[in-house]
Amino acid sequence: MPHLIPIGLESAVISDPDIMSGAPCFAGTRVPLETFLDYIGSGASLERFLQGFPSVTRKQALVVLEWETAQAKAAVGLHFFA
C-alpha cells in the first residue's frame, strides 16, 4: 500500500506499490527513504550516503534533510525562527 508523501517532500520522494512494495523511496530510484534516514542517523555523512547510492541526487537528499529539520524545529516551537 502506498504511503502519503508529506507536503514539501513530493519533489524528492515517491511511494508506488510497484516500487519496493510502496515504501517511500527517492523519486526515480529504488532507494528507500528509511535507508537514508538510517545512514544519517548512524552518523554517516551525506557524502558517504551519496557515494553508496549514486542514483539519489544531492538535491533530493537536501530536500529531505531540510524537511526533517523544519519538522524538528516545529516540534519544539522553533518554527518561527529562520
N, C-alpha and C. Protein backbone atom coordinates (compact mmCIF):
# COMPACT_ATOMS: atom_id res chain seq x y z
N MET A 1 0.85 -1.18 0.00
CA MET A 1 0.00 0.00 0.00
C MET A 1 0.89 1.24 0.00
N PRO A 2 0.65 2.18 -0.90
CA PRO A 2 1.48 3.39 -0.94
C PRO A 2 1.26 4.26 0.30
N HIS A 3 2.29 4.96 0.66
CA HIS A 3 2.25 5.89 1.78
C HIS A 3 1.96 7.29 1.28
N LEU A 4 1.33 8.10 2.10
CA LEU A 4 1.15 9.51 1.76
C LEU A 4 2.49 10.21 1.91
N ILE A 5 2.84 11.00 0.94
CA ILE A 5 4.09 11.76 0.99
C ILE A 5 3.75 13.16 1.49
N PRO A 6 4.38 13.60 2.58
CA PRO A 6 4.08 14.92 3.13
C PRO A 6 4.40 16.06 2.16
N ILE A 7 3.63 17.14 2.30
CA ILE A 7 3.90 18.34 1.52
C ILE A 7 5.33 18.79 1.83
N GLY A 8 6.05 19.11 0.79
CA GLY A 8 7.44 19.51 0.93
C GLY A 8 8.41 18.44 0.48
N LEU A 9 7.92 17.20 0.43
CA LEU A 9 8.80 16.10 0.00
C LEU A 9 8.43 15.55 -1.37
N GLU A 10 7.34 16.06 -1.96
CA GLU A 10 6.84 15.49 -3.22
C GLU A 10 7.85 15.54 -4.35
N SER A 11 8.76 16.49 -4.33
CA SER A 11 9.74 16.59 -5.41
C SER A 11 10.87 15.58 -5.26
N ALA A 12 11.02 15.00 -4.08
CA ALA A 12 12.15 14.12 -3.83
C ALA A 12 11.77 12.68 -3.52
N VAL A 13 10.55 12.46 -3.04
CA VAL A 13 10.16 11.14 -2.54
C VAL A 13 8.85 10.70 -3.18
N ILE A 14 8.77 9.41 -3.49
CA ILE A 14 7.55 8.82 -4.03
C ILE A 14 7.19 7.58 -3.23
N SER A 15 5.95 7.15 -3.37
CA SER A 15 5.50 5.87 -2.84
C SER A 15 4.64 5.24 -3.91
N ASP A 16 5.15 4.17 -4.48
CA ASP A 16 4.48 3.49 -5.59
C ASP A 16 4.41 2.00 -5.23
N PRO A 17 3.22 1.41 -5.25
CA PRO A 17 3.12 0.00 -4.88
C PRO A 17 3.96 -0.93 -5.76
N ASP A 18 4.34 -0.47 -6.95
CA ASP A 18 5.17 -1.28 -7.84
C ASP A 18 6.66 -1.11 -7.59
N ILE A 19 7.02 -0.21 -6.69
CA ILE A 19 8.44 0.03 -6.38
C ILE A 19 8.64 -0.22 -4.89
N MET A 20 9.44 -1.20 -4.55
CA MET A 20 9.77 -1.53 -3.16
C MET A 20 8.50 -1.68 -2.30
N SER A 21 7.49 -2.30 -2.88
CA SER A 21 6.22 -2.58 -2.19
C SER A 21 5.56 -1.33 -1.61
N GLY A 22 5.81 -0.18 -2.23
CA GLY A 22 5.18 1.06 -1.79
C GLY A 22 5.92 1.82 -0.71
N ALA A 23 7.07 1.31 -0.28
CA ALA A 23 7.86 2.03 0.72
C ALA A 23 8.28 3.38 0.14
N PRO A 24 8.26 4.44 0.93
CA PRO A 24 8.73 5.73 0.42
C PRO A 24 10.18 5.62 -0.07
N CYS A 25 10.40 6.02 -1.32
CA CYS A 25 11.73 5.96 -1.94
C CYS A 25 12.06 7.30 -2.59
N PHE A 26 13.33 7.52 -2.81
CA PHE A 26 13.72 8.71 -3.57
C PHE A 26 13.18 8.55 -4.98
N ALA A 27 12.58 9.60 -5.51
CA ALA A 27 11.98 9.58 -6.84
C ALA A 27 12.99 9.15 -7.89
N GLY A 28 12.57 8.26 -8.77
CA GLY A 28 13.43 7.79 -9.85
C GLY A 28 14.43 6.74 -9.42
N THR A 29 14.31 6.26 -8.18
CA THR A 29 15.24 5.25 -7.67
C THR A 29 14.45 4.15 -6.96
N ARG A 30 15.17 3.16 -6.48
CA ARG A 30 14.61 2.13 -5.62
C ARG A 30 15.25 2.23 -4.23
N VAL A 31 15.74 3.40 -3.90
CA VAL A 31 16.41 3.62 -2.61
C VAL A 31 15.37 4.11 -1.59
N PRO A 32 15.09 3.29 -0.58
CA PRO A 32 14.11 3.69 0.42
C PRO A 32 14.56 4.88 1.25
N LEU A 33 13.63 5.73 1.57
CA LEU A 33 13.91 6.87 2.44
C LEU A 33 14.44 6.39 3.78
N GLU A 34 13.94 5.27 4.26
CA GLU A 34 14.39 4.71 5.54
C GLU A 34 15.89 4.42 5.53
N THR A 35 16.41 3.97 4.40
CA THR A 35 17.84 3.70 4.29
C THR A 35 18.64 4.98 4.50
N PHE A 36 18.20 6.06 3.87
CA PHE A 36 18.86 7.36 4.02
C PHE A 36 18.82 7.81 5.48
N LEU A 37 17.64 7.75 6.09
CA LEU A 37 17.49 8.20 7.47
C LEU A 37 18.34 7.35 8.41
N ASP A 38 18.44 6.05 8.15
CA ASP A 38 19.29 5.18 8.96
C ASP A 38 20.76 5.56 8.82
N TYR A 39 21.19 5.84 7.59
CA TYR A 39 22.58 6.25 7.35
C TYR A 39 22.90 7.53 8.13
N ILE A 40 22.07 8.54 7.94
CA ILE A 40 22.31 9.83 8.58
C ILE A 40 22.19 9.70 10.10
N GLY A 41 21.22 8.94 10.55
CA GLY A 41 21.02 8.74 11.98
C GLY A 41 22.16 8.01 12.65
N SER A 42 22.89 7.20 11.89
CA SER A 42 24.02 6.47 12.46
C SER A 42 25.30 7.31 12.47
N GLY A 43 25.21 8.53 11.94
CA GLY A 43 26.38 9.41 11.94
C GLY A 43 27.14 9.43 10.63
N ALA A 44 26.67 8.69 9.63
CA ALA A 44 27.33 8.70 8.32
C ALA A 44 27.10 10.07 7.68
N SER A 45 28.06 10.49 6.90
CA SER A 45 27.95 11.79 6.22
C SER A 45 27.05 11.69 4.99
N LEU A 46 26.56 12.83 4.58
CA LEU A 46 25.78 12.90 3.35
C LEU A 46 26.63 12.41 2.18
N GLU A 47 27.88 12.79 2.17
CA GLU A 47 28.78 12.37 1.08
C GLU A 47 28.89 10.85 1.01
N ARG A 48 29.00 10.21 2.16
CA ARG A 48 29.12 8.75 2.18
C ARG A 48 27.85 8.12 1.62
N PHE A 49 26.70 8.63 2.04
CA PHE A 49 25.45 8.11 1.52
C PHE A 49 25.38 8.26 0.01
N LEU A 50 25.67 9.45 -0.49
CA LEU A 50 25.58 9.71 -1.93
C LEU A 50 26.56 8.85 -2.73
N GLN A 51 27.73 8.57 -2.16
CA GLN A 51 28.68 7.68 -2.83
C GLN A 51 28.14 6.26 -2.92
N GLY A 52 27.46 5.83 -1.86
CA GLY A 52 26.91 4.47 -1.83
C GLY A 52 25.64 4.31 -2.64
N PHE A 53 24.94 5.41 -2.87
CA PHE A 53 23.67 5.38 -3.60
C PHE A 53 23.67 6.47 -4.66
N PRO A 54 24.45 6.29 -5.72
CA PRO A 54 24.62 7.35 -6.72
C PRO A 54 23.35 7.70 -7.51
N SER A 55 22.31 6.88 -7.42
CA SER A 55 21.07 7.22 -8.12
C SER A 55 20.29 8.31 -7.39
N VAL A 56 20.62 8.57 -6.13
CA VAL A 56 19.99 9.64 -5.37
C VAL A 56 20.79 10.92 -5.61
N THR A 57 20.10 11.99 -5.95
CA THR A 57 20.80 13.25 -6.20
C THR A 57 21.01 14.01 -4.89
N ARG A 58 22.01 14.86 -4.89
CA ARG A 58 22.26 15.72 -3.73
C ARG A 58 21.02 16.56 -3.43
N LYS A 59 20.37 17.08 -4.47
CA LYS A 59 19.19 17.91 -4.29
C LYS A 59 18.09 17.14 -3.57
N GLN A 60 17.86 15.88 -3.96
CA GLN A 60 16.84 15.07 -3.30
C GLN A 60 17.17 14.89 -1.82
N ALA A 61 18.41 14.56 -1.53
CA ALA A 61 18.82 14.34 -0.14
C ALA A 61 18.68 15.61 0.68
N LEU A 62 19.03 16.75 0.10
CA LEU A 62 18.92 18.01 0.82
C LEU A 62 17.47 18.39 1.08
N VAL A 63 16.58 18.08 0.14
CA VAL A 63 15.15 18.34 0.36
C VAL A 63 14.69 17.58 1.60
N VAL A 64 15.09 16.32 1.71
CA VAL A 64 14.68 15.51 2.87
C VAL A 64 15.29 16.07 4.15
N LEU A 65 16.57 16.41 4.13
CA LEU A 65 17.21 16.96 5.33
C LEU A 65 16.57 18.28 5.75
N GLU A 66 16.27 19.13 4.80
CA GLU A 66 15.64 20.41 5.12
C GLU A 66 14.24 20.19 5.69
N TRP A 67 13.50 19.23 5.14
CA TRP A 67 12.16 18.93 5.65
C TRP A 67 12.25 18.39 7.07
N GLU A 68 13.17 17.48 7.30
CA GLU A 68 13.35 16.90 8.63
C GLU A 68 13.73 17.98 9.64
N THR A 69 14.59 18.89 9.26
CA THR A 69 15.00 19.98 10.15
C THR A 69 13.80 20.86 10.48
N ALA A 70 13.00 21.19 9.48
CA ALA A 70 11.82 22.02 9.71
C ALA A 70 10.84 21.32 10.64
N GLN A 71 10.67 20.01 10.48
CA GLN A 71 9.78 19.25 11.36
C GLN A 71 10.28 19.25 12.80
N ALA A 72 11.57 19.07 12.97
CA ALA A 72 12.15 19.08 14.32
C ALA A 72 12.00 20.45 14.97
N LYS A 73 12.24 21.52 14.21
CA LYS A 73 12.09 22.87 14.74
C LYS A 73 10.63 23.12 15.16
N ALA A 74 9.71 22.74 14.32
CA ALA A 74 8.30 22.95 14.62
C ALA A 74 7.88 22.15 15.86
N ALA A 75 8.44 20.97 16.03
CA ALA A 75 8.07 20.12 17.16
C ALA A 75 8.45 20.75 18.50
N VAL A 76 9.50 21.57 18.50
CA VAL A 76 9.94 22.20 19.76
C VAL A 76 9.64 23.69 19.79
N GLY A 77 8.82 24.13 18.85
CA GLY A 77 8.38 25.51 18.84
C GLY A 77 9.37 26.51 18.26
N LEU A 78 10.27 26.06 17.43
CA LEU A 78 11.25 26.96 16.82
C LEU A 78 10.91 27.30 15.38
N HIS A 79 9.72 26.97 14.94
CA HIS A 79 9.36 27.18 13.53
C HIS A 79 9.25 28.64 13.14
N PHE A 80 9.29 29.55 14.09
CA PHE A 80 9.22 30.98 13.76
C PHE A 80 10.60 31.57 13.49
N PHE A 81 11.64 30.80 13.78
CA PHE A 81 13.00 31.30 13.60
C PHE A 81 13.60 30.70 12.35
N ALA A 82 14.34 31.51 11.63
CA ALA A 82 14.98 31.02 10.41
C ALA A 82 16.34 30.46 10.73
